[in-house]
Amino acid sequence: MNPRFDLRREPLFAGFLLTFCLIYTLWYPATISIDDESSIVALAWSIEHGTVFTENAGPLWGLPVGGHSISKFSPFHAALLVPAMALNWRLVFLVSAAFFVAGAFIVRGMLLRDGLGSGWTALYFLLAGALYYSQTALAAVPAAVMALLGVSLCLRDVPRPFLAGLAFGVSVLLHPWMGPIALVFCAVWIIENRLGGMIALMLGALPSVALLAAYNVVTTGSPVRNVYTILGHQHLFGGTHFFSFLTFYVASLVIFPLAGWSAFFPRWTRSWAVPAVGAVVIAMGSLYYYRDGLNFGSARVPAGIAAMAGLVPGQRFLLPFSMIACVPAARFLNSRLLAWDTTWLTAVRVAAIATFVVGFVMLSVFHQAYLRAFANIQQAIRQNIPPDAPVAVDPELAKEFAPLPAVYSRVTVLNVTDAPPSGEHIAILLPPGQSPPDSLTHNRKSTNVNIRSWVWNRDLLIIQPAQNGR
């Protein structure tokens, strides 16, 4: 089949693509909302201003190493955000969205080379986790899409291992989680091909290896030492939640994508490298100490909706394999639908795009309500605290002091057991109606801002420096 995109010949793929762009635009992310995004934005701001060290963006965004503050996040991903930061920081979300669209075209190309219709990209567009993270400033979608590209280049009828090495290398530069995935896939693929393509793969990955080593030397003094190892993240794969996480991730692959379990069977993957990647992703995610989910505070939503909303962010660590699994899932499902008549197939296509539209709109509305609450917090901070003022904040609020757009470079995390310095502003988030400790408000004026949405509610208390300096 001709891989050239033709709107008239591919109405289902075009419908998904255009609908994604429309819904994304209508509910464009209002702001960032988690610590990781704040740290990435602060790193991008630092790079925009000529350094990979984050001390100028504020003390909260890095680990002190060798007299500098170093972010644990990828400077190579943050560098992708710099052009957006230079124009308007809210444009940073377009980076993940653009990679999501690129991933759709990669899956489409794999399907067409396999003799399947591009309409099977429905499986990709129904990856709820990918849709969710396309609305964030995180590296999850960009890194996963680059790994997907590497897999696609290797599994062509005529493989392109050098370009695949480049793609895998870039995926690791964007997020270190891709390292084991890339190594395992490439190792199994090389064995399957009797060492064919090994040198080309290695040469393709070499520029990324050199860049990563150079960055480590600049920041930690060693080519193989990074901030994650200094923080001890290598010790966080202890398996404390192994069985519950394993159950979650295995169940997720039944749904995202539909029939995703087929990616563990060489009959549908046509390569042992894909099941190997699946085993690595499941093992790493299950052994890791943490799984994403949203904390809705006093959200006025049914428990079932809250549970679903927590399930979607939990797909983050699965994204590389979920994307790869779309093609074997399409092969399996296509083999089952060959005997269906045209009427039933039309009904399936309509159901697929209706599910995508309704699901993505619901996800976007829910997520936007959550983000609006944080946007209101950031606006209240800018209105009530000068950027150059010293301010003590509680840990939950700290992430809102990323440079958006002002740089609050004198921010410290509040220790509520100690009396705060009299010359500092204080900013804390409280459950609705809860009063702060008297020690924080004694001889100080305060402003209370009610942060309300149907998803997430808090009271923002901004306390001025003590009157008369006492």
Protein backbone atom coordinates (compact mmCIF):
# COMPACT_ATOMS: atom_id res chain seq x y z
CA MET A 1 0.00 0.00 0.00
CA ASN A 2 1.20 3.49 -0.82
CA PRO A 3 2.46 5.04 2.45
CA ARG A 4 1.79 8.57 1.22
CA PHE A 5 -0.95 10.14 3.33
CA ASP A 6 -4.17 10.54 1.38
CA LEU A 7 -7.13 12.01 3.25
CA ARG A 8 -9.63 10.53 0.80
CA ARG A 9 -8.26 6.99 1.11
CA GLU A 10 -7.80 7.06 4.89
CA PRO A 11 -10.91 8.70 6.35
CA LEU A 12 -10.71 6.88 9.71
CA PHE A 13 -7.07 7.80 10.37
CA ALA A 14 -7.73 11.36 9.22
CA GLY A 15 -10.78 11.53 11.47
CA PHE A 16 -8.79 10.45 14.53
CA LEU A 17 -5.96 12.84 13.72
CA LEU A 18 -8.13 15.90 13.12
CA THR A 19 -10.33 15.14 16.12
CA PHE A 20 -7.29 14.84 18.37
CA CYS A 21 -6.04 18.25 17.22
CA LEU A 22 -9.45 19.84 17.66
CA ILE A 23 -10.10 18.50 21.16
CA TYR A 24 -6.53 19.30 22.23
CA THR A 25 -7.00 22.89 21.07
CA LEU A 26 -10.40 23.31 22.72
CA TRP A 27 -9.09 22.07 26.09
CA TYR A 28 -5.52 23.25 25.79
CA PRO A 29 -3.73 22.61 29.14
CA ALA A 30 -4.13 25.50 31.53
CA THR A 31 -0.86 24.95 33.39
CA ILE A 32 1.47 22.37 34.90
CA SER A 33 0.31 20.49 37.97
CA ILE A 34 2.98 18.14 39.36
CA ASP A 35 6.49 18.42 40.80
CA ASP A 36 8.12 16.75 37.80
CA GLU A 37 6.64 19.27 35.36
CA SER A 38 7.75 22.16 37.56
CA SER A 39 11.30 20.85 37.69
CA ILE A 40 11.40 20.32 33.92
CA VAL A 41 10.10 23.82 33.26
CA ALA A 42 12.68 25.27 35.67
CA LEU A 43 15.43 23.35 33.86
CA ALA A 44 14.17 24.58 30.49
CA TRP A 45 14.17 28.13 31.86
CA SER A 46 17.77 27.66 33.02
CA ILE A 47 18.87 26.32 29.62
CA GLU A 48 17.12 29.23 27.93
CA HIS A 49 19.33 31.47 30.07
CA GLY A 50 22.52 29.65 29.14
CA THR A 51 23.13 27.01 31.80
CA VAL A 52 22.14 23.47 32.75
CA PHE A 53 22.49 24.37 36.43
CA THR A 54 19.19 25.33 38.05
CA GLU A 55 20.27 27.48 40.99
CA ASN A 56 19.23 30.67 39.20
CA ALA A 57 15.70 29.35 38.81
CA GLY A 58 15.47 28.74 42.55
CA PRO A 59 16.75 26.32 45.19
CA LEU A 60 13.91 23.82 44.84
CA TRP A 61 14.70 22.51 41.37
CA GLY A 62 17.91 20.58 41.76
CA LEU A 63 20.32 18.60 43.92
CA PRO A 64 23.41 20.42 45.25
CA VAL A 65 26.46 18.80 43.62
CA GLY A 66 29.90 20.38 43.36
CA GLY A 67 28.71 23.89 44.14
CA HIS A 68 25.84 23.81 41.65
CA SER A 69 22.22 22.73 41.63
CA ILE A 70 21.59 19.89 39.16
CA SER A 71 18.19 18.73 37.96
CA LYS A 72 17.45 15.01 37.92
CA PHE A 73 15.51 15.49 34.70
CA SER A 74 16.84 15.28 31.17
CA PRO A 75 18.41 18.50 29.85
CA PHE A 76 17.90 17.12 26.33
CA HIS A 77 14.13 16.94 26.82
CA ALA A 78 14.13 20.33 28.57
CA ALA A 79 16.04 21.79 25.61
CA LEU A 80 13.10 20.84 23.37
CA LEU A 81 10.94 23.14 25.48
CA VAL A 82 13.27 26.13 25.22
CA PRO A 83 11.82 27.64 21.99
CA ALA A 84 8.37 27.52 23.59
CA MET A 85 9.70 29.04 26.82
CA ALA A 86 11.22 31.89 24.82
CA LEU A 87 7.84 32.72 23.25
CA ASN A 88 5.27 31.78 25.88
CA TRP A 89 5.84 29.09 28.51
CA ARG A 90 2.38 27.61 27.92
CA LEU A 91 3.50 26.48 24.47
CA VAL A 92 5.64 23.78 26.13
CA PHE A 93 2.66 21.40 25.96
CA LEU A 94 2.85 21.41 22.17
CA VAL A 95 6.06 19.37 22.35
CA SER A 96 4.31 16.31 23.79
CA ALA A 97 1.33 16.83 21.48
CA ALA A 98 3.59 16.96 18.41
CA PHE A 99 5.33 13.74 19.44
CA PHE A 100 1.95 12.06 19.99
CA VAL A 101 0.96 12.96 16.41
CA ALA A 102 4.33 11.72 15.15
CA GLY A 103 3.71 8.44 16.96
CA ALA A 104 0.39 8.07 15.15
CA PHE A 105 2.17 8.35 11.81
CA ILE A 106 4.81 5.80 12.90
CA VAL A 107 2.11 3.28 13.85
CA ARG A 108 0.31 4.04 10.58
CA GLY A 109 3.48 3.30 8.62
CA MET A 110 3.99 0.00 10.45
CA LEU A 111 0.39 -1.01 9.72
CA LEU A 112 0.60 -0.13 6.04
CA ARG A 113 3.85 -2.05 5.60
CA ASP A 114 2.04 -5.00 7.16
CA GLY A 115 -0.84 -4.78 4.71
CA LEU A 116 -3.28 -3.50 7.33
CA GLY A 117 -5.42 -0.39 6.96
CA SER A 118 -4.42 2.82 8.73
CA GLY A 119 -7.79 2.73 10.50
CA TRP A 120 -6.16 0.37 12.99
CA THR A 121 -4.39 3.41 14.41
CA ALA A 122 -7.59 3.57 16.45
CA LEU A 123 -5.75 1.37 18.93
CA TYR A 124 -3.08 4.06 19.29
CA PHE A 125 -5.58 6.90 19.62
CA LEU A 126 -7.40 4.95 22.34
CA LEU A 127 -4.29 4.80 24.56
CA ALA A 128 -5.69 6.84 27.43
CA GLY A 129 -2.28 7.22 29.10
CA ALA A 130 -0.71 8.60 25.93
CA LEU A 131 -3.60 11.05 25.51
CA TYR A 132 -3.23 12.20 29.11
CA TYR A 133 0.54 12.67 28.99
CA SER A 134 0.31 14.45 25.65
CA GLN A 135 -1.26 17.24 27.73
CA THR A 136 1.75 17.55 30.04
CA ALA A 137 5.30 18.90 29.89
CA LEU A 138 6.74 15.49 30.80
CA ALA A 139 9.07 13.41 28.64
CA ALA A 140 6.81 10.33 28.77
CA VAL A 141 5.30 10.67 25.28
CA PRO A 142 8.39 12.02 23.45
CA ALA A 143 10.64 9.28 24.87
CA ALA A 144 8.11 6.51 24.17
CA VAL A 145 7.58 7.71 20.58
CA MET A 146 11.32 7.67 19.90
CA ALA A 147 11.51 4.10 21.20
CA LEU A 148 8.54 3.24 18.98
CA LEU A 149 10.43 4.70 16.01
CA GLY A 150 13.46 2.57 16.85
CA VAL A 151 11.30 -0.56 16.92
CA SER A 152 9.65 0.40 13.63
CA LEU A 153 13.00 0.90 11.91
CA CYS A 154 14.30 -2.46 13.12
CA LEU A 155 11.19 -4.45 12.17
CA ARG A 156 10.95 -3.25 8.57
CA ASP A 157 11.37 -5.79 5.78
CA VAL A 158 14.67 -4.05 5.12
CA PRO A 159 15.82 -2.91 8.58
CA ARG A 160 17.60 0.39 9.09
CA PRO A 161 19.70 -0.31 12.17
CA PHE A 162 21.78 2.87 12.07
CA LEU A 163 18.68 5.07 12.15
CA ALA A 164 17.14 2.77 14.75
CA GLY A 165 20.24 3.25 16.91
CA LEU A 166 19.83 7.00 16.58
CA ALA A 167 16.17 6.77 17.60
CA PHE A 168 16.83 4.51 20.59
CA GLY A 169 19.69 6.76 21.67
CA VAL A 170 17.47 9.83 21.57
CA SER A 171 14.78 8.01 23.57
CA VAL A 172 17.32 7.38 26.33
CA LEU A 173 18.49 11.00 26.21
CA LEU A 174 14.89 12.08 26.72
CA HIS A 175 14.26 9.72 29.63
CA PRO A 176 16.57 7.18 31.33
CA TRP A 177 13.62 4.76 31.73
CA MET A 178 14.15 3.95 28.04
CA GLY A 179 17.67 2.61 28.67
CA PRO A 180 16.79 -0.97 29.69
CA ILE A 181 14.02 -1.06 27.07
CA ALA A 182 16.39 -0.07 24.25
CA LEU A 183 19.15 -2.42 25.41
CA VAL A 184 16.88 -5.46 25.71
CA PHE A 185 15.10 -4.87 22.40
CA CYS A 186 18.38 -4.35 20.52
CA ALA A 187 20.07 -7.33 22.17
CA VAL A 188 17.25 -9.75 21.26
CA TRP A 189 16.90 -8.27 17.77
CA ILE A 190 20.64 -8.69 17.16
CA ILE A 191 20.49 -12.33 18.31
CA GLU A 192 17.51 -12.98 16.02
CA ASN A 193 19.45 -11.50 13.12
CA ARG A 194 22.59 -13.49 13.94
CA LEU A 195 24.57 -10.39 14.87
CA GLY A 196 23.47 -8.63 11.68
CA GLY A 197 23.07 -4.88 12.15
CA MET A 198 24.87 -4.83 15.51
CA ILE A 199 27.64 -2.46 14.41
CA ALA A 200 25.17 -0.12 12.68
CA LEU A 201 22.96 -0.03 15.79
CA MET A 202 25.94 0.78 17.99
CA LEU A 203 27.17 3.51 15.65
CA GLY A 204 23.69 5.04 15.56
CA ALA A 205 23.51 5.12 19.36
CA LEU A 206 27.06 6.47 19.75
CA PRO A 207 26.21 10.22 19.50
CA SER A 208 23.63 9.90 22.27
CA VAL A 209 26.05 7.93 24.45
CA ALA A 210 28.68 10.64 23.95
CA LEU A 211 26.24 13.46 24.73
CA LEU A 212 25.00 11.75 27.89
CA ALA A 213 28.54 11.03 29.07
CA ALA A 214 29.58 14.63 28.42
CA TYR A 215 26.61 15.98 30.38
CA ASN A 216 27.41 13.67 33.29
CA VAL A 217 31.04 14.83 33.32
CA VAL A 218 29.96 18.48 33.39
CA THR A 219 27.43 17.96 36.19
CA THR A 220 28.82 15.15 38.37
CA GLY A 221 32.43 14.78 37.23
CA SER A 222 31.96 11.22 35.97
CA PRO A 223 30.66 9.97 32.58
CA VAL A 224 28.68 7.15 34.24
CA ARG A 225 27.36 8.99 37.30
CA ASN A 226 24.12 10.94 37.18
CA VAL A 227 21.75 12.56 39.64
CA TYR A 228 19.51 9.48 39.79
CA THR A 229 22.39 7.39 41.13
CA ILE A 230 23.32 10.12 43.62
CA LEU A 231 19.72 10.22 44.85
CA GLY A 232 19.77 6.43 45.11
CA HIS A 233 16.90 5.69 42.71
CA GLN A 234 18.64 2.43 41.82
CA HIS A 235 17.67 1.21 45.28
CA LEU A 236 13.96 1.96 44.79
CA PHE A 237 13.26 -1.22 42.80
CA GLY A 238 12.50 -3.23 45.91
CA GLY A 239 9.20 -4.81 45.02
CA THR A 240 7.27 -3.53 48.02
CA HIS A 241 4.12 -3.25 45.90
CA PHE A 242 5.08 -5.93 43.39
CA PHE A 243 1.88 -7.96 43.28
CA SER A 244 -0.52 -5.03 43.24
CA PHE A 245 1.51 -3.17 40.61
CA LEU A 246 1.93 -6.35 38.52
CA THR A 247 -1.83 -6.90 38.57
CA PHE A 248 -2.43 -3.29 37.56
CA TYR A 249 0.02 -3.32 34.65
CA VAL A 250 -1.06 -6.71 33.31
CA ALA A 251 -4.72 -5.67 33.45
CA SER A 252 -3.84 -2.38 31.76
CA LEU A 253 -2.33 -4.17 28.77
CA VAL A 254 -5.63 -5.95 28.17
CA ILE A 255 -7.28 -2.55 27.71
CA PHE A 256 -4.52 -0.19 26.51
CA PRO A 257 -4.38 -1.15 23.71
CA LEU A 258 -7.31 -3.49 23.23
CA ALA A 259 -5.86 -7.02 22.89
CA GLY A 260 -2.48 -5.67 23.99
CA TRP A 261 -1.70 -9.08 25.49
CA SER A 262 -1.03 -10.24 21.91
CA ALA A 263 2.30 -8.38 22.09
CA PHE A 264 3.65 -11.23 24.22
CA PHE A 265 3.16 -13.80 21.44
CA PRO A 266 5.69 -14.02 18.58
CA ARG A 267 2.88 -15.20 16.29
CA TRP A 268 1.58 -11.64 16.35
CA THR A 269 4.81 -9.71 17.03
CA ARG A 270 6.92 -11.67 14.50
CA SER A 271 9.90 -11.03 16.74
CA TRP A 272 10.93 -12.15 20.22
CA ALA A 273 12.31 -8.64 20.83
CA VAL A 274 8.82 -7.20 21.42
CA PRO A 275 7.77 -9.73 24.12
CA ALA A 276 11.19 -9.21 25.73
CA VAL A 277 10.52 -5.48 25.96
CA GLY A 278 7.09 -6.19 27.45
CA ALA A 279 8.61 -8.40 30.13
CA VAL A 280 11.18 -5.71 30.99
CA VAL A 281 8.58 -2.92 31.18
CA ILE A 282 6.23 -4.98 33.35
CA ALA A 283 9.06 -6.08 35.62
CA MET A 284 10.50 -2.57 36.07
CA GLY A 285 7.08 -1.01 36.69
CA SER A 286 6.09 -3.73 39.16
CA LEU A 287 9.36 -3.56 41.11
CA TYR A 288 9.47 0.24 41.27
CA TYR A 289 8.30 1.91 44.45
CA TYR A 290 5.92 4.36 42.77
CA ARG A 291 2.95 4.42 40.42
CA ASP A 292 1.30 7.59 39.15
CA GLY A 293 -2.18 8.62 40.19
CA LEU A 294 -4.10 11.80 40.95
CA ASN A 295 -4.84 13.07 44.45
CA PHE A 296 -8.18 14.82 44.26
CA GLY A 297 -8.39 16.13 47.80
CA SER A 298 -12.01 16.97 48.51
CA ALA A 299 -13.13 16.33 44.96
CA ARG A 300 -16.87 16.21 44.45
CA VAL A 301 -16.78 13.31 42.01
CA PRO A 302 -18.02 9.72 42.35
CA ALA A 303 -15.49 7.19 43.58
CA GLY A 304 -15.65 5.32 40.27
CA ILE A 305 -14.67 8.40 38.27
CA ALA A 306 -11.87 9.17 40.70
CA ALA A 307 -10.59 5.60 40.35
CA MET A 308 -10.62 5.83 36.55
CA ALA A 309 -8.84 9.17 36.68
CA GLY A 310 -6.18 7.59 38.88
CA LEU A 311 -5.85 4.65 36.49
CA VAL A 312 -5.00 6.80 33.46
CA PRO A 313 -1.87 8.54 34.87
CA GLY A 314 -0.75 5.12 36.07
CA GLN A 315 -0.09 4.19 32.44
CA ARG A 316 3.04 6.36 32.28
CA PHE A 317 5.66 3.63 32.72
CA LEU A 318 3.79 1.36 30.30
CA LEU A 319 3.66 3.86 27.44
CA PRO A 320 6.64 2.57 25.40
CA PHE A 321 5.28 -0.95 25.33
CA SER A 322 1.63 0.13 24.95
CA MET A 323 2.54 2.01 21.78
CA ILE A 324 4.56 -0.89 20.39
CA ALA A 325 1.73 -3.31 21.25
CA CYS A 326 -0.71 -1.52 18.94
CA VAL A 327 0.62 -3.31 15.84
CA PRO A 328 0.47 -6.93 17.10
CA ALA A 329 -2.94 -6.12 18.59
CA ALA A 330 -4.08 -4.89 15.16
CA ARG A 331 -2.83 -8.10 13.56
CA PHE A 332 -4.73 -10.22 16.05
CA LEU A 333 -7.98 -8.25 15.84
CA ASN A 334 -7.81 -8.01 12.05
CA SER A 335 -7.54 -11.80 11.81
CA ARG A 336 -10.74 -12.07 13.84
CA LEU A 337 -12.66 -9.50 11.81
CA LEU A 338 -11.88 -10.83 8.33
CA ALA A 339 -15.08 -12.87 8.31
CA TRP A 340 -17.31 -9.96 9.35
CA ASP A 341 -19.58 -8.35 6.79
CA THR A 342 -19.36 -4.70 5.77
CA THR A 343 -22.23 -3.57 7.99
CA TRP A 344 -20.60 -4.90 11.14
CA LEU A 345 -17.21 -3.48 10.20
CA THR A 346 -18.77 -0.06 9.66
CA ALA A 347 -20.39 -0.28 13.08
CA VAL A 348 -17.01 -1.13 14.64
CA ARG A 349 -15.37 1.87 12.97
CA VAL A 350 -18.11 4.22 14.14
CA ALA A 351 -17.89 2.81 17.67
CA ALA A 352 -14.11 3.28 17.69
CA ILE A 353 -14.15 6.95 16.74
CA ALA A 354 -17.15 7.63 19.02
CA THR A 355 -15.29 6.03 21.92
CA PHE A 356 -12.23 8.13 21.16
CA VAL A 357 -14.19 11.38 20.94
CA VAL A 358 -16.20 10.80 24.11
CA GLY A 359 -13.24 9.42 26.03
CA PHE A 360 -10.78 12.15 25.05
CA VAL A 361 -13.33 14.88 25.74
CA MET A 362 -14.08 13.44 29.18
CA LEU A 363 -10.38 13.07 29.95
CA SER A 364 -9.69 16.63 28.76
CA VAL A 365 -12.57 18.17 30.71
CA PHE A 366 -11.57 16.33 33.89
CA HIS A 367 -7.89 17.17 33.50
CA GLN A 368 -8.62 20.80 32.63
CA ALA A 369 -10.72 21.25 35.76
CA TYR A 370 -7.80 19.91 37.77
CA LEU A 371 -5.33 22.21 35.98
CA ARG A 372 -7.53 25.30 36.35
CA ALA A 373 -7.29 24.98 40.10
CA PHE A 374 -3.50 25.13 39.88
CA ALA A 375 -3.65 28.02 37.43
CA ASN A 376 -5.70 29.93 40.02
CA ILE A 377 -3.04 29.18 42.64
CA GLN A 378 -0.27 30.50 40.39
CA GLN A 379 -2.26 33.64 39.61
CA ALA A 380 -2.88 34.30 43.32
CA ILE A 381 0.83 33.85 44.07
CA ARG A 382 1.83 36.37 41.41
CA GLN A 383 -0.76 38.86 42.65
CA ASN A 384 0.21 38.64 46.32
CA ILE A 385 3.95 37.86 46.50
CA PRO A 386 6.67 39.88 44.74
CA PRO A 387 9.06 37.63 42.72
CA ASP A 388 12.12 38.87 44.66
CA ALA A 389 10.56 38.30 48.08
CA PRO A 390 11.72 35.49 50.38
CA VAL A 391 8.87 33.01 50.82
CA ALA A 392 8.40 29.82 52.81
CA VAL A 393 5.94 27.29 51.36
CA ASP A 394 4.59 23.88 52.28
CA PRO A 395 5.79 20.92 50.15
CA GLU A 396 2.48 20.57 48.32
CA LEU A 397 2.64 24.17 47.15
CA ALA A 398 6.34 24.22 46.27
CA LYS A 399 5.80 23.06 42.68
CA GLU A 400 3.77 26.18 41.88
CA PHE A 401 6.89 28.33 42.24
CA ALA A 402 8.48 27.18 39.01
CA PRO A 403 9.32 30.20 36.78
CA LEU A 404 5.85 30.85 35.39
CA PRO A 405 6.71 33.49 34.26
CA ALA A 406 8.39 35.17 37.25
CA VAL A 407 11.38 33.52 38.94
CA TYR A 408 10.87 33.10 42.65
CA SER A 409 14.50 32.43 43.50
CA ARG A 410 14.18 32.81 47.28
CA VAL A 411 11.78 29.99 48.07
CA THR A 412 12.28 27.56 50.95
CA VAL A 413 10.16 24.66 52.15
CA LEU A 414 8.35 25.46 55.36
CA ASN A 415 9.00 23.50 58.51
CA VAL A 416 5.75 23.95 60.45
CA THR A 417 7.40 22.90 63.74
CA ASP A 418 9.68 25.93 63.67
CA ALA A 419 8.73 29.58 63.83
CA PRO A 420 9.23 31.05 60.34
CA PRO A 421 11.54 34.06 59.93
CA SER A 422 9.63 37.29 60.47
CA GLY A 423 10.68 38.76 57.11
CA GLU A 424 9.35 35.94 54.96
CA HIS A 425 6.06 35.57 53.17
CA ILE A 426 4.36 32.26 53.91
CA ALA A 427 2.18 30.34 51.48
CA ILE A 428 0.39 27.11 52.40
CA LEU A 429 -2.40 24.94 51.05
CA LEU A 430 -5.02 23.64 53.46
CA PRO A 431 -8.08 21.42 53.14
CA PRO A 432 -11.18 23.61 52.78
CA GLY A 433 -12.14 25.22 56.09
CA GLN A 434 -9.04 24.15 58.01
CA SER A 435 -7.17 26.78 60.03
CA PRO A 436 -3.36 27.10 60.02
CA PRO A 437 -1.23 26.88 63.19
CA ASP A 438 -1.38 30.09 65.23
CA SER A 439 2.41 30.35 65.12
CA LEU A 440 2.24 31.07 61.38
CA THR A 441 -0.30 33.89 61.57
CA HIS A 442 0.73 35.64 64.80
CA ASN A 443 1.24 39.38 64.16
CA ARG A 444 0.81 38.82 60.42
CA LYS A 445 -1.82 39.78 57.89
CA SER A 446 -3.05 37.04 55.60
CA THR A 447 -5.07 36.53 52.46
CA ASN A 448 -7.22 33.45 51.98
CA VAL A 449 -7.97 32.34 48.41
CA ASN A 450 -10.53 29.60 47.90
CA ILE A 451 -9.33 27.25 45.16
CA ARG A 452 -12.44 25.44 43.98
CA SER A 453 -13.21 23.07 41.14
CA TRP A 454 -15.41 20.02 40.87
CA VAL A 455 -12.25 17.91 40.80
CA TRP A 456 -9.83 19.37 43.36
CA ASN A 457 -10.32 21.87 46.21
CA ARG A 458 -7.98 23.64 48.59
CA ASP A 459 -7.66 26.88 50.55
CA LEU A 460 -4.57 28.90 49.66
CA LEU A 461 -3.36 30.99 52.59
CA ILE A 462 -0.82 33.71 51.82
CA ILE A 463 0.66 35.26 54.96
CA GLN A 464 2.54 38.54 54.86
CA PRO A 465 5.80 39.21 56.72
CA ALA A 466 5.40 40.00 60.40
CA GLN A 467 4.39 43.56 61.16
CA ASN A 468 7.16 45.75 62.58
CA GLY A 469 9.58 42.92 61.76
CA ARG A 470 8.52 40.92 64.86
